Amino acid sequence: MDAMIVTFVSSETGEVLMYAETAKTLLDIVGKAGSARGVFTPPEMLPALAKLQAAVAEARRQAAAQPDDDEEDRSKPLPVSLPQRAWPLIDMLERTAKAGPDAHITWTAAADF
């Protein structure tokens, strides 16, 4: 996958930009296709939010179960984890879901991803 950017836009918050690879991972978790254009409607937001929060909780459980790294591994930069990558979309879903029946989130990309 190229370094294509996906732009999420909420009727209630600012834009969130992310690489298509990350967007696809998050959209797969909530059961949405990585299409060039898409939408979260009000009835879809809370279920999507719950799925992302569950995936984040599982990722944290798995990270906590990993053995401690040795000194050599500590000098390497830490990878960006699912909880960090998911947070902007989780925040957007939470805030937009509270806004009422006309609230929505859309996304656009240059192509399907």
C-alpha atoms as a PDB file:
ATOM      1  CA  MET A   1       0.000   0.000   0.000  1.00  0.00           C
ATOM      2  CA  ASP A   2       1.322   3.435  -0.892  1.00  0.00           C
ATOM      3  CA  ALA A   3       1.464   6.353   1.482  1.00  0.00           C
ATOM      4  CA  MET A   4      -2.048   7.429   0.525  1.00  0.00           C
ATOM      5  CA  ILE A   5      -3.806   9.703   3.001  1.00  0.00           C
ATOM      6  CA  VAL A   6      -7.366   9.181   4.225  1.00  0.00           C
ATOM      7  CA  THR A   7      -9.216  12.220   5.548  1.00  0.00           C
ATOM      8  CA  PHE A   8     -11.927  11.698   8.152  1.00  0.00           C
ATOM      9  CA  VAL A   9     -14.273  14.661   8.563  1.00  0.00           C
ATOM     10  CA  SER A  10     -16.873  15.001  11.290  1.00  0.00           C
ATOM     11  CA  SER A  11     -19.859  17.308  11.289  1.00  0.00           C
ATOM     12  CA  GLU A  12     -18.888  18.118  14.890  1.00  0.00           C
ATOM     13  CA  THR A  13     -15.073  18.063  15.112  1.00  0.00           C
ATOM     14  CA  GLY A  14     -12.050  18.835  12.980  1.00  0.00           C
ATOM     15  CA  GLU A  15     -10.419  16.641  10.380  1.00  0.00           C
ATOM     16  CA  VAL A  16      -8.302  13.603  11.129  1.00  0.00           C
ATOM     17  CA  LEU A  17      -5.713  12.558   8.565  1.00  0.00           C
ATOM     18  CA  MET A  18      -4.111   9.145   8.585  1.00  0.00           C
ATOM     19  CA  TYR A  19      -2.252   6.841   6.274  1.00  0.00           C
ATOM     20  CA  ALA A  20      -4.464   4.412   4.359  1.00  0.00           C
ATOM     21  CA  GLU A  21      -2.766   1.416   5.997  1.00  0.00           C
ATOM     22  CA  THR A  22      -3.812   2.631   9.450  1.00  0.00           C
ATOM     23  CA  ALA A  23      -7.264   3.695   8.276  1.00  0.00           C
ATOM     24  CA  LYS A  24      -7.822   0.273   6.714  1.00  0.00           C
ATOM     25  CA  THR A  25      -6.860  -1.479   9.944  1.00  0.00           C
ATOM     26  CA  LEU A  26      -9.307   0.644  11.941  1.00  0.00           C
ATOM     27  CA  LEU A  27     -12.102   0.349   9.382  1.00  0.00           C
ATOM     28  CA  ASP A  28     -11.609  -3.432   9.231  1.00  0.00           C
ATOM     29  CA  ILE A  29     -12.050  -3.576  13.014  1.00  0.00           C
ATOM     30  CA  VAL A  30     -15.424  -1.827  12.771  1.00  0.00           C
ATOM     31  CA  GLY A  31     -16.547  -3.761   9.705  1.00  0.00           C
ATOM     32  CA  LYS A  32     -16.273  -0.984   7.123  1.00  0.00           C
ATOM     33  CA  ALA A  33     -14.666  -1.318   3.701  1.00  0.00           C
ATOM     34  CA  GLY A  34     -11.592   0.695   2.773  1.00  0.00           C
ATOM     35  CA  SER A  35     -13.365   2.523   0.008  1.00  0.00           C
ATOM     36  CA  ALA A  36     -12.364   5.890  -1.439  1.00  0.00           C
ATOM     37  CA  ARG A  37     -15.474   7.402   0.163  1.00  0.00           C
ATOM     38  CA  GLY A  38     -17.436   6.293   3.174  1.00  0.00           C
ATOM     39  CA  VAL A  39     -19.606   7.411   6.050  1.00  0.00           C
ATOM     40  CA  PHE A  40     -20.450   6.644   9.644  1.00  0.00           C
ATOM     41  CA  THR A  41     -24.114   7.425  10.272  1.00  0.00           C
ATOM     42  CA  PRO A  42     -25.424   8.116  13.794  1.00  0.00           C
ATOM     43  CA  PRO A  43     -26.681   4.532  14.330  1.00  0.00           C
ATOM     44  CA  GLU A  44     -23.250   3.160  13.295  1.00  0.00           C
ATOM     45  CA  MET A  45     -21.109   5.352  15.549  1.00  0.00           C
ATOM     46  CA  LEU A  46     -21.603   3.780  18.978  1.00  0.00           C
ATOM     47  CA  PRO A  47     -21.202   0.180  17.727  1.00  0.00           C
ATOM     48  CA  ALA A  48     -18.051   1.223  15.819  1.00  0.00           C
ATOM     49  CA  LEU A  49     -16.773   2.988  18.925  1.00  0.00           C
ATOM     50  CA  ALA A  50     -17.356  -0.123  21.050  1.00  0.00           C
ATOM     51  CA  LYS A  51     -15.479  -2.326  18.554  1.00  0.00           C
ATOM     52  CA  LEU A  52     -12.494   0.035  18.463  1.00  0.00           C
ATOM     53  CA  GLN A  53     -12.411   0.301  22.253  1.00  0.00           C
ATOM     54  CA  ALA A  54     -12.504  -3.502  22.552  1.00  0.00           C
ATOM     55  CA  ALA A  55      -9.633  -3.842  20.049  1.00  0.00           C
ATOM     56  CA  VAL A  56      -7.608  -1.246  21.966  1.00  0.00           C
ATOM     57  CA  ALA A  57      -8.252  -3.034  25.268  1.00  0.00           C
ATOM     58  CA  GLU A  58      -7.132  -6.339  23.722  1.00  0.00           C
ATOM     59  CA  ALA A  59      -3.983  -4.729  22.288  1.00  0.00           C
ATOM     60  CA  ARG A  60      -3.155  -3.331  25.730  1.00  0.00           C
ATOM     61  CA  ARG A  61      -3.715  -6.744  27.354  1.00  0.00           C
ATOM     62  CA  GLN A  62      -1.388  -8.367  24.827  1.00  0.00           C
ATOM     63  CA  ALA A  63       1.265  -5.691  25.341  1.00  0.00           C
ATOM     64  CA  ALA A  64       1.099  -6.136  29.111  1.00  0.00           C
ATOM     65  CA  ALA A  65       1.554  -9.899  28.714  1.00  0.00           C
ATOM     66  CA  GLN A  66       4.795  -9.464  26.755  1.00  0.00           C
ATOM     67  CA  PRO A  67       7.970 -10.159  28.741  1.00  0.00           C
ATOM     68  CA  ASP A  68      10.123  -7.186  29.716  1.00  0.00           C
ATOM     69  CA  ASP A  69      12.609  -6.172  27.047  1.00  0.00           C
ATOM     70  CA  ASP A  70      16.302  -6.446  27.697  1.00  0.00           C
ATOM     71  CA  GLU A  71      18.580  -3.395  27.763  1.00  0.00           C
ATOM     72  CA  GLU A  72      19.418  -3.651  24.062  1.00  0.00           C
ATOM     73  CA  ASP A  73      15.736  -3.491  23.043  1.00  0.00           C
ATOM     74  CA  ARG A  74      15.116  -0.434  25.226  1.00  0.00           C
ATOM     75  CA  SER A  75      17.400   1.690  23.056  1.00  0.00           C
ATOM     76  CA  LYS A  76      15.188   1.104  20.007  1.00  0.00           C
ATOM     77  CA  PRO A  77      12.276   3.461  19.366  1.00  0.00           C
ATOM     78  CA  LEU A  78       8.900   2.031  20.347  1.00  0.00           C
ATOM     79  CA  PRO A  79       6.482   1.293  17.513  1.00  0.00           C
ATOM     80  CA  VAL A  80       3.244   3.267  17.387  1.00  0.00           C
ATOM     81  CA  SER A  81       0.639   0.972  18.897  1.00  0.00           C
ATOM     82  CA  LEU A  82      -2.991   0.357  17.979  1.00  0.00           C
ATOM     83  CA  PRO A  83      -4.238   2.370  20.989  1.00  0.00           C
ATOM     84  CA  GLN A  84      -2.243   5.387  19.793  1.00  0.00           C
ATOM     85  CA  ARG A  85      -3.365   5.001  16.189  1.00  0.00           C
ATOM     86  CA  ALA A  86      -7.026   4.455  17.085  1.00  0.00           C
ATOM     87  CA  TRP A  87      -7.347   7.332  19.560  1.00  0.00           C
ATOM     88  CA  PRO A  88      -8.132  10.112  17.026  1.00  0.00           C
ATOM     89  CA  LEU A  89     -10.961   8.102  15.435  1.00  0.00           C
ATOM     90  CA  ILE A  90     -12.246   6.965  18.843  1.00  0.00           C
ATOM     91  CA  ASP A  91     -12.363  10.587  20.006  1.00  0.00           C
ATOM     92  CA  MET A  92     -14.091  11.670  16.799  1.00  0.00           C
ATOM     93  CA  LEU A  93     -16.697   8.898  17.119  1.00  0.00           C
ATOM     94  CA  GLU A  94     -17.366   9.703  20.797  1.00  0.00           C
ATOM     95  CA  ARG A  95     -17.803  13.411  20.236  1.00  0.00           C
ATOM     96  CA  THR A  96     -19.835  13.100  17.049  1.00  0.00           C
ATOM     97  CA  ALA A  97     -22.130  10.390  18.461  1.00  0.00           C
ATOM     98  CA  LYS A  98     -23.221  12.819  21.186  1.00  0.00           C
ATOM     99  CA  ALA A  99     -24.230  15.492  18.672  1.00  0.00           C
ATOM    100  CA  GLY A 100     -27.599  14.121  17.609  1.00  0.00           C
ATOM    101  CA  PRO A 101     -29.339  12.599  14.617  1.00  0.00           C
ATOM    102  CA  ASP A 102     -27.820  14.843  11.953  1.00  0.00           C
ATOM    103  CA  ALA A 103     -24.223  14.189  12.987  1.00  0.00           C
ATOM    104  CA  HIS A 104     -22.027  12.172  10.665  1.00  0.00           C
ATOM    105  CA  ILE A 105     -18.441  11.272   9.866  1.00  0.00           C
ATOM    106  CA  THR A 106     -17.233  10.851   6.316  1.00  0.00           C
ATOM    107  CA  TRP A 107     -13.919   9.786   4.882  1.00  0.00           C
ATOM    108  CA  THR A 108     -12.278  10.329   1.547  1.00  0.00           C
ATOM    109  CA  ALA A 109      -9.139   9.010  -0.109  1.00  0.00           C
ATOM    110  CA  ALA A 110      -7.655   9.182  -3.595  1.00  0.00           C
ATOM    111  CA  ALA A 111      -8.712   5.549  -4.257  1.00  0.00           C
ATOM    112  CA  ASP A 112      -9.979   2.435  -2.538  1.00  0.00           C
ATOM    113  CA  PHE A 113      -7.455   1.144  -0.015  1.00  0.00           C
END
